Amino acid sequence: MRYLHPVQAHETFVAGGRYHFSKQGAPLQKSETWTVHARPDGEQFMRVDADALREEGRSVLAEALLDRAGALARLDIRYENTKFPGGVRSLRATYQFAAGCLQVGYELNGSTRQYRELELPPDTLIDVPLLPFRGRTIATLTARGAAPTWLFVPTFDYAQLLPGALQQVISPVAAAGADCLRLGKRAIHTRRFTYRDRAAAYWLDEHNTIIRRVNAFNQQEIVVQISDYVAPASHLELLPC
């Protein structure tokens, strides 16, 4: 696993896993590997290595600082895309969230570092477009139901959209039942969520970790499946399916 900063001696491992992608049943050369480590003060670091260099020429390394309540306090990004001439080739960015304010510093395509500041409405939900973050977003959107929600999505691919998109939405996702999925010899009880346009379905465990995702793209089925999953130590083994 690649990373922006190595794990420090004072950090304690909490959870981790790896997402594999396939299209029409054939494996794709892309993955998202992630770990969560705790600090003595109760804050946590999530490290993500989204490696699609061989498949798409795209790479994202992310490191997120989560406060003691689990809220995103800081997000560091290093993004590269060698096969997207119309978009961002390289990006180094730091997003800092505090007291309804977002401060962003970024270097785009090797240029001088720029700074932006945005006010965020109360209870804005941060939707980082990487799978290790999406489970919590999906669960929160579903819980808010028909209540309008402000959603901020950090953007990496298009320079004109930097540092991201802020919009008010009604939850596009809803609970759709429960299923028991198997990871090797393990049985994982999950909640299934579907987007209202039926373009994607997600299965989340009790920790709001995505266990599986199925979506359609250009009339082809793309499946994401977790492997090497280590749940938080508080996880209790459930009864067999």
C-alpha atoms as a PDB file:
ATOM      1  CA  MET A   1       0.000   0.000   0.000  1.00  0.00           C
ATOM      2  CA  ARG A   2       1.274   3.460  -0.917  1.00  0.00           C
ATOM      3  CA  TYR A   3       0.764   6.386   1.432  1.00  0.00           C
ATOM      4  CA  LEU A   4       1.388  10.094   1.891  1.00  0.00           C
ATOM      5  CA  HIS A   5       2.891   9.663   5.360  1.00  0.00           C
ATOM      6  CA  PRO A   6       3.917   6.408   7.047  1.00  0.00           C
ATOM      7  CA  VAL A   7       2.191   5.115  10.154  1.00  0.00           C
ATOM      8  CA  GLN A   8       3.769   6.585  13.282  1.00  0.00           C
ATOM      9  CA  ALA A   9       4.820   4.616  16.363  1.00  0.00           C
ATOM     10  CA  HIS A  10       2.072   6.156  18.509  1.00  0.00           C
ATOM     11  CA  GLU A  11      -0.713   5.084  16.110  1.00  0.00           C
ATOM     12  CA  THR A  12      -2.767   1.947  16.775  1.00  0.00           C
ATOM     13  CA  PHE A  13      -4.340  -0.080  13.973  1.00  0.00           C
ATOM     14  CA  VAL A  14      -8.156   0.014  13.996  1.00  0.00           C
ATOM     15  CA  ALA A  15      -9.450  -1.304  10.669  1.00  0.00           C
ATOM     16  CA  GLY A  16      -8.559  -1.803   7.028  1.00  0.00           C
ATOM     17  CA  GLY A  17      -9.380  -3.520   3.764  1.00  0.00           C
ATOM     18  CA  ARG A  18      -9.033  -3.527   0.015  1.00  0.00           C
ATOM     19  CA  TYR A  19     -11.613  -3.020  -2.734  1.00  0.00           C
ATOM     20  CA  HIS A  20     -11.314  -4.971  -5.986  1.00  0.00           C
ATOM     21  CA  PHE A  21     -13.129  -3.992  -9.193  1.00  0.00           C
ATOM     22  CA  SER A  22     -14.522  -6.159 -11.982  1.00  0.00           C
ATOM     23  CA  LYS A  23     -16.513  -5.478 -15.140  1.00  0.00           C
ATOM     24  CA  GLN A  24     -18.827  -8.070 -16.633  1.00  0.00           C
ATOM     25  CA  GLY A  25     -17.126 -10.626 -14.388  1.00  0.00           C
ATOM     26  CA  ALA A  26     -13.575  -9.810 -15.533  1.00  0.00           C
ATOM     27  CA  PRO A  27     -11.126  -8.313 -12.995  1.00  0.00           C
ATOM     28  CA  LEU A  28      -9.992  -4.735 -13.574  1.00  0.00           C
ATOM     29  CA  GLN A  29      -6.490  -3.513 -12.792  1.00  0.00           C
ATOM     30  CA  LYS A  30      -7.604  -1.070 -10.130  1.00  0.00           C
ATOM     31  CA  SER A  31      -8.104  -1.169  -6.379  1.00  0.00           C
ATOM     32  CA  GLU A  32      -8.669   0.987  -3.307  1.00  0.00           C
ATOM     33  CA  THR A  33      -6.696  -0.051  -0.232  1.00  0.00           C
ATOM     34  CA  TRP A  34      -7.314   1.652   3.101  1.00  0.00           C
ATOM     35  CA  THR A  35      -6.396   1.605   6.763  1.00  0.00           C
ATOM     36  CA  VAL A  36      -7.588   3.409   9.882  1.00  0.00           C
ATOM     37  CA  HIS A  37      -5.242   4.076  12.800  1.00  0.00           C
ATOM     38  CA  ALA A  38      -6.053   5.725  16.137  1.00  0.00           C
ATOM     39  CA  ARG A  39      -3.967   8.298  17.973  1.00  0.00           C
ATOM     40  CA  PRO A  40      -3.710   8.441  21.781  1.00  0.00           C
ATOM     41  CA  ASP A  41      -5.963  11.533  21.850  1.00  0.00           C
ATOM     42  CA  GLY A  42      -8.821   9.605  20.220  1.00  0.00           C
ATOM     43  CA  GLU A  43      -8.481  11.104  16.757  1.00  0.00           C
ATOM     44  CA  GLN A  44      -8.007   8.759  13.815  1.00  0.00           C
ATOM     45  CA  PHE A  45      -6.095   8.748  10.525  1.00  0.00           C
ATOM     46  CA  MET A  46      -7.566   7.105   7.453  1.00  0.00           C
ATOM     47  CA  ARG A  47      -5.101   6.381   4.648  1.00  0.00           C
ATOM     48  CA  VAL A  48      -6.357   5.477   1.164  1.00  0.00           C
ATOM     49  CA  ASP A  49      -4.449   4.233  -1.881  1.00  0.00           C
ATOM     50  CA  ALA A  50      -6.721   4.337  -4.952  1.00  0.00           C
ATOM     51  CA  ASP A  51      -4.518   2.769  -7.626  1.00  0.00           C
ATOM     52  CA  ALA A  52      -5.899   2.676 -11.170  1.00  0.00           C
ATOM     53  CA  LEU A  53      -2.635   3.538 -12.940  1.00  0.00           C
ATOM     54  CA  ARG A  54      -2.564   0.457 -15.169  1.00  0.00           C
ATOM     55  CA  GLU A  55      -6.298   0.514 -15.888  1.00  0.00           C
ATOM     56  CA  GLU A  56      -6.981   4.235 -16.266  1.00  0.00           C
ATOM     57  CA  GLY A  57      -3.714   6.098 -15.654  1.00  0.00           C
ATOM     58  CA  ARG A  58      -5.275   7.484 -12.476  1.00  0.00           C
ATOM     59  CA  SER A  59      -3.964   7.510  -8.922  1.00  0.00           C
ATOM     60  CA  VAL A  60      -5.243   9.054  -5.689  1.00  0.00           C
ATOM     61  CA  LEU A  61      -3.463   8.979  -2.350  1.00  0.00           C
ATOM     62  CA  ALA A  62      -5.508  10.375   0.511  1.00  0.00           C
ATOM     63  CA  GLU A  63      -4.997  10.894   4.207  1.00  0.00           C
ATOM     64  CA  ALA A  64      -7.889  12.018   6.383  1.00  0.00           C
ATOM     65  CA  LEU A  65      -7.851  13.209   9.971  1.00  0.00           C
ATOM     66  CA  LEU A  66     -11.064  12.306  11.795  1.00  0.00           C
ATOM     67  CA  ASP A  67     -11.853  14.008  15.087  1.00  0.00           C
ATOM     68  CA  ARG A  68     -12.977  12.118  18.180  1.00  0.00           C
ATOM     69  CA  ALA A  69     -16.595  12.284  16.989  1.00  0.00           C
ATOM     70  CA  GLY A  70     -15.612  10.764  13.638  1.00  0.00           C
ATOM     71  CA  ALA A  71     -16.065  14.004  11.665  1.00  0.00           C
ATOM     72  CA  LEU A  72     -13.634  14.906   8.898  1.00  0.00           C
ATOM     73  CA  ALA A  73     -11.240  17.614  10.095  1.00  0.00           C
ATOM     74  CA  ARG A  74      -8.587  17.529   7.375  1.00  0.00           C
ATOM     75  CA  LEU A  75      -8.100  15.806   4.033  1.00  0.00           C
ATOM     76  CA  ASP A  76      -4.770  15.638   2.190  1.00  0.00           C
ATOM     77  CA  ILE A  77      -4.818  14.548  -1.453  1.00  0.00           C
ATOM     78  CA  ARG A  78      -2.210  13.678  -4.059  1.00  0.00           C
ATOM     79  CA  TYR A  79      -3.865  13.037  -7.417  1.00  0.00           C
ATOM     80  CA  GLU A  80      -2.322  12.034 -10.760  1.00  0.00           C
ATOM     81  CA  ASN A  81      -3.901  11.240 -14.110  1.00  0.00           C
ATOM     82  CA  THR A  82      -1.687  10.497 -17.110  1.00  0.00           C
ATOM     83  CA  LYS A  83      -4.490   9.552 -19.505  1.00  0.00           C
ATOM     84  CA  PHE A  84      -6.867  12.497 -19.160  1.00  0.00           C
ATOM     85  CA  PRO A  85      -5.422  15.347 -21.280  1.00  0.00           C
ATOM     86  CA  GLY A  86      -8.557  17.457 -20.883  1.00  0.00           C
ATOM     87  CA  GLY A  87      -8.458  17.382 -17.098  1.00  0.00           C
ATOM     88  CA  VAL A  88      -6.147  17.633 -14.121  1.00  0.00           C
ATOM     89  CA  ARG A  89      -2.774  15.922 -14.571  1.00  0.00           C
ATOM     90  CA  SER A  90      -1.550  16.374 -11.005  1.00  0.00           C
ATOM     91  CA  LEU A  91      -2.995  17.878  -7.856  1.00  0.00           C
ATOM     92  CA  ARG A  92      -1.744  18.263  -4.317  1.00  0.00           C
ATOM     93  CA  ALA A  93      -4.411  19.626  -2.014  1.00  0.00           C
ATOM     94  CA  THR A  94      -5.229  20.068   1.658  1.00  0.00           C
ATOM     95  CA  TYR A  95      -8.843  20.554   2.776  1.00  0.00           C
ATOM     96  CA  GLN A  96      -9.384  21.790   6.331  1.00  0.00           C
ATOM     97  CA  PHE A  97     -12.859  21.847   7.872  1.00  0.00           C
ATOM     98  CA  ALA A  98     -13.645  23.864  11.011  1.00  0.00           C
ATOM     99  CA  ALA A  99     -16.571  25.870  12.392  1.00  0.00           C
ATOM    100  CA  GLY A 100     -18.556  25.976   9.159  1.00  0.00           C
ATOM    101  CA  CYS A 101     -15.561  27.020   7.103  1.00  0.00           C
ATOM    102  CA  LEU A 102     -13.546  25.160   4.485  1.00  0.00           C
ATOM    103  CA  GLN A 103      -9.985  26.239   3.760  1.00  0.00           C
ATOM    104  CA  VAL A 104      -8.224  24.692   0.773  1.00  0.00           C
ATOM    105  CA  GLY A 105      -4.645  24.997  -0.391  1.00  0.00           C
ATOM    106  CA  TYR A 106      -3.725  23.289  -3.657  1.00  0.00           C
ATOM    107  CA  GLU A 107      -1.063  23.005  -6.347  1.00  0.00           C
ATOM    108  CA  LEU A 108      -2.539  22.244  -9.767  1.00  0.00           C
ATOM    109  CA  ASN A 109      -0.374  20.714 -12.507  1.00  0.00           C
ATOM    110  CA  GLY A 110       2.784  21.863 -10.742  1.00  0.00           C
ATOM    111  CA  SER A 111       1.756  25.522 -10.525  1.00  0.00           C
ATOM    112  CA  THR A 112       2.140  27.886  -7.579  1.00  0.00           C
ATOM    113  CA  ARG A 113       0.056  26.951  -4.551  1.00  0.00           C
ATOM    114  CA  GLN A 114      -3.348  28.635  -4.429  1.00  0.00           C
ATOM    115  CA  TYR A 115      -5.719  29.147  -1.514  1.00  0.00           C
ATOM    116  CA  ARG A 116      -9.505  29.188  -1.348  1.00  0.00           C
ATOM    117  CA  GLU A 117     -11.955  29.639   1.484  1.00  0.00           C
ATOM    118  CA  LEU A 118     -15.636  28.678   1.470  1.00  0.00           C
ATOM    119  CA  GLU A 119     -18.408  29.024   4.023  1.00  0.00           C
ATOM    120  CA  LEU A 120     -20.327  25.815   4.517  1.00  0.00           C
ATOM    121  CA  PRO A 121     -23.955  25.758   5.707  1.00  0.00           C
ATOM    122  CA  PRO A 122     -24.619  24.056   9.061  1.00  0.00           C
ATOM    123  CA  ASP A 123     -24.584  20.238   8.982  1.00  0.00           C
ATOM    124  CA  THR A 124     -22.982  20.123   5.532  1.00  0.00           C
ATOM    125  CA  LEU A 125     -22.159  16.521   4.637  1.00  0.00           C
ATOM    126  CA  ILE A 126     -18.698  15.950   3.140  1.00  0.00           C
ATOM    127  CA  ASP A 127     -18.832  13.319   0.386  1.00  0.00           C
ATOM    128  CA  VAL A 128     -15.237  12.346  -0.422  1.00  0.00           C
ATOM    129  CA  PRO A 129     -15.387  10.422  -3.746  1.00  0.00           C
ATOM    130  CA  LEU A 130     -13.470   7.375  -2.502  1.00  0.00           C
ATOM    131  CA  LEU A 131     -15.089   4.126  -1.376  1.00  0.00           C
ATOM    132  CA  PRO A 132     -13.731   4.044   2.206  1.00  0.00           C
ATOM    133  CA  PHE A 133     -15.607   7.315   2.866  1.00  0.00           C
ATOM    134  CA  ARG A 134     -18.808   6.616   0.930  1.00  0.00           C
ATOM    135  CA  GLY A 135     -20.429   4.212   3.372  1.00  0.00           C
ATOM    136  CA  ARG A 136     -20.878   6.829   6.058  1.00  0.00           C
ATOM    137  CA  THR A 137     -22.184   9.309   3.465  1.00  0.00           C
ATOM    138  CA  ILE A 138     -24.777   6.813   2.242  1.00  0.00           C
ATOM    139  CA  ALA A 139     -25.939   5.987   5.765  1.00  0.00           C
ATOM    140  CA  THR A 140     -26.226   9.672   6.700  1.00  0.00           C
ATOM    141  CA  LEU A 141     -28.123  10.623   3.541  1.00  0.00           C
ATOM    142  CA  THR A 142     -30.549   7.767   4.125  1.00  0.00           C
ATOM    143  CA  ALA A 143     -31.108   8.796   7.747  1.00  0.00           C
ATOM    144  CA  ARG A 144     -31.891  12.378   6.714  1.00  0.00           C
ATOM    145  CA  GLY A 145     -34.481  11.113   4.238  1.00  0.00           C
ATOM    146  CA  ALA A 146     -36.593  13.838   2.655  1.00  0.00           C
ATOM    147  CA  ALA A 147     -34.900  16.623   4.612  1.00  0.00           C
ATOM    148  CA  PRO A 148     -32.790  18.861   2.333  1.00  0.00           C
ATOM    149  CA  THR A 149     -29.071  18.299   2.910  1.00  0.00           C
ATOM    150  CA  TRP A 150     -26.113  20.424   1.914  1.00  0.00           C
ATOM    151  CA  LEU A 151     -23.510  18.207   0.272  1.00  0.00           C
ATOM    152  CA  PHE A 152     -19.908  19.165  -0.495  1.00  0.00           C
ATOM    153  CA  VAL A 153     -17.969  16.897  -2.860  1.00  0.00           C
ATOM    154  CA  PRO A 154     -14.203  17.504  -3.199  1.00  0.00           C
ATOM    155  CA  THR A 155     -13.310  17.418  -6.891  1.00  0.00           C
ATOM    156  CA  PHE A 156     -10.024  16.194  -8.350  1.00  0.00           C
ATOM    157  CA  ASP A 157     -10.547  15.598 -12.076  1.00  0.00           C
ATOM    158  CA  TYR A 158     -11.569  18.991 -13.465  1.00  0.00           C
ATOM    159  CA  ALA A 159      -9.705  22.238 -12.777  1.00  0.00           C
ATOM    160  CA  GLN A 160     -12.823  24.361 -13.285  1.00  0.00           C
ATOM    161  CA  LEU A 161     -14.586  22.512 -10.454  1.00  0.00           C
ATOM    162  CA  LEU A 162     -11.830  22.928  -7.868  1.00  0.00           C
ATOM    163  CA  PRO A 163     -11.952  22.751  -4.941  1.00  0.00           C
ATOM    164  CA  GLY A 164     -15.313  20.975  -5.161  1.00  0.00           C
ATOM    165  CA  ALA A 165     -19.075  21.196  -5.600  1.00  0.00           C
ATOM    166  CA  LEU A 166     -21.530  22.424  -2.956  1.00  0.00           C
ATOM    167  CA  GLN A 167     -25.207  21.716  -3.530  1.00  0.00           C
ATOM    168  CA  GLN A 168     -28.406  21.091  -1.612  1.00  0.00           C
ATOM    169  CA  VAL A 169     -29.966  17.696  -2.258  1.00  0.00           C
ATOM    170  CA  ILE A 170     -32.791  15.440  -1.194  1.00  0.00           C
ATOM    171  CA  SER A 171     -31.324  12.037  -0.421  1.00  0.00           C
ATOM    172  CA  PRO A 172     -30.873  10.136  -3.718  1.00  0.00           C
ATOM    173  CA  VAL A 173     -30.414   6.870  -1.836  1.00  0.00           C
ATOM    174  CA  ALA A 174     -32.771   4.755   0.262  1.00  0.00           C
ATOM    175  CA  ALA A 175     -32.639   1.605   2.373  1.00  0.00           C
ATOM    176  CA  ALA A 176     -33.673  -1.472   0.403  1.00  0.00           C
ATOM    177  CA  GLY A 177     -33.454  -4.385   2.811  1.00  0.00           C
ATOM    178  CA  ALA A 178     -30.862  -6.623   4.424  1.00  0.00           C
ATOM    179  CA  ASP A 179     -28.646  -9.385   3.071  1.00  0.00           C
ATOM    180  CA  CYS A 180     -26.038 -11.761   4.398  1.00  0.00           C
ATOM    181  CA  LEU A 181     -22.854 -11.767   2.323  1.00  0.00           C
ATOM    182  CA  ARG A 182     -19.883 -14.084   2.609  1.00  0.00           C
ATOM    183  CA  LEU A 183     -16.239 -13.059   2.745  1.00  0.00           C
ATOM    184  CA  GLY A 184     -14.419 -16.355   2.517  1.00  0.00           C
ATOM    185  CA  LYS A 185     -15.628 -18.298   5.544  1.00  0.00           C
ATOM    186  CA  ARG A 186     -17.062 -15.213   7.246  1.00  0.00           C
ATOM    187  CA  ALA A 187     -20.718 -14.260   7.155  1.00  0.00           C
ATOM    188  CA  ILE A 188     -21.349 -10.508   7.136  1.00  0.00           C
ATOM    189  CA  HIS A 189     -24.816  -9.147   7.833  1.00  0.00           C
ATOM    190  CA  THR A 190     -25.362  -6.072   5.672  1.00  0.00           C
ATOM    191  CA  ARG A 191     -27.925  -3.405   4.896  1.00  0.00           C
ATOM    192  CA  ARG A 192     -28.630  -2.830   1.228  1.00  0.00           C
ATOM    193  CA  PHE A 193     -29.059   0.692  -0.181  1.00  0.00           C
ATOM    194  CA  THR A 194     -30.101   1.650  -3.679  1.00  0.00           C
ATOM    195  CA  TYR A 195     -30.002   4.929  -5.543  1.00  0.00           C
ATOM    196  CA  ARG A 196     -33.393   6.117  -6.707  1.00  0.00           C
ATOM    197  CA  ASP A 197     -32.281   6.038 -10.341  1.00  0.00           C
ATOM    198  CA  ARG A 198     -31.342   2.375  -9.689  1.00  0.00           C
ATOM    199  CA  ALA A 199     -27.891   2.995 -11.158  1.00  0.00           C
ATOM    200  CA  ALA A 200     -26.108   1.577  -8.098  1.00  0.00           C
ATOM    201  CA  ALA A 201     -26.616  -0.621  -5.054  1.00  0.00           C
ATOM    202  CA  TYR A 202     -24.420  -0.699  -1.953  1.00  0.00           C
ATOM    203  CA  TRP A 203     -24.150  -3.208   0.895  1.00  0.00           C
ATOM    204  CA  LEU A 204     -22.925  -1.769   4.231  1.00  0.00           C
ATOM    205  CA  ASP A 205     -22.009  -3.592   7.427  1.00  0.00           C
ATOM    206  CA  GLU A 206     -22.689  -2.393  10.978  1.00  0.00           C
ATOM    207  CA  HIS A 207     -19.701  -0.023  10.797  1.00  0.00           C
ATOM    208  CA  ASN A 208     -21.007   1.592   7.582  1.00  0.00           C
ATOM    209  CA  THR A 209     -18.163  -0.018   5.664  1.00  0.00           C
ATOM    210  CA  ILE A 210     -19.034  -0.818   2.061  1.00  0.00           C
ATOM    211  CA  ILE A 211     -18.798  -4.582   1.599  1.00  0.00           C
ATOM    212  CA  ARG A 212     -20.043  -4.673  -1.980  1.00  0.00           C
ATOM    213  CA  ARG A 213     -21.194  -2.279  -4.705  1.00  0.00           C
ATOM    214  CA  VAL A 214     -22.878  -3.051  -8.000  1.00  0.00           C
ATOM    215  CA  ASN A 215     -23.539  -0.411 -10.622  1.00  0.00           C
ATOM    216  CA  ALA A 216     -24.128  -0.134 -14.351  1.00  0.00           C
ATOM    217  CA  PHE A 217     -21.945   1.941 -16.683  1.00  0.00           C
ATOM    218  CA  ASN A 218     -22.428   2.012 -20.455  1.00  0.00           C
ATOM    219  CA  GLN A 219     -24.755  -0.990 -20.082  1.00  0.00           C
ATOM    220  CA  GLN A 220     -22.026  -2.993 -18.372  1.00  0.00           C
ATOM    221  CA  GLU A 221     -22.122  -4.248 -14.797  1.00  0.00           C
ATOM    222  CA  ILE A 222     -19.275  -3.115 -12.554  1.00  0.00           C
ATOM    223  CA  VAL A 223     -18.843  -4.869  -9.209  1.00  0.00           C
ATOM    224  CA  VAL A 224     -16.711  -3.732  -6.288  1.00  0.00           C
ATOM    225  CA  GLN A 225     -15.969  -6.264  -3.553  1.00  0.00           C
ATOM    226  CA  ILE A 226     -14.019  -5.828  -0.343  1.00  0.00           C
ATOM    227  CA  SER A 227     -11.267  -8.254   0.666  1.00  0.00           C
ATOM    228  CA  ASP A 228      -8.695  -8.516   3.465  1.00  0.00           C
ATOM    229  CA  TYR A 229     -11.248  -6.735   5.632  1.00  0.00           C
ATOM    230  CA  VAL A 230     -10.405  -6.175   9.275  1.00  0.00           C
ATOM    231  CA  ALA A 231     -13.313  -4.567  11.113  1.00  0.00           C
ATOM    232  CA  PRO A 232     -12.852  -2.400  14.228  1.00  0.00           C
ATOM    233  CA  ALA A 233     -12.055  -4.352  17.396  1.00  0.00           C
ATOM    234  CA  SER A 234     -15.517  -3.554  18.764  1.00  0.00           C
ATOM    235  CA  HIS A 235     -16.941  -5.784  16.030  1.00  0.00           C
ATOM    236  CA  LEU A 236     -18.850  -8.764  17.427  1.00  0.00           C
ATOM    237  CA  GLU A 237     -19.080 -11.968  15.435  1.00  0.00           C
ATOM    238  CA  LEU A 238     -22.623 -12.381  14.212  1.00  0.00           C
ATOM    239  CA  LEU A 239     -24.651 -15.536  13.916  1.00  0.00           C
ATOM    240  CA  PRO A 240     -24.299 -17.454  10.638  1.00  0.00           C
ATOM    241  CA  CYS A 241     -26.544 -16.394   7.781  1.00  0.00           C
END
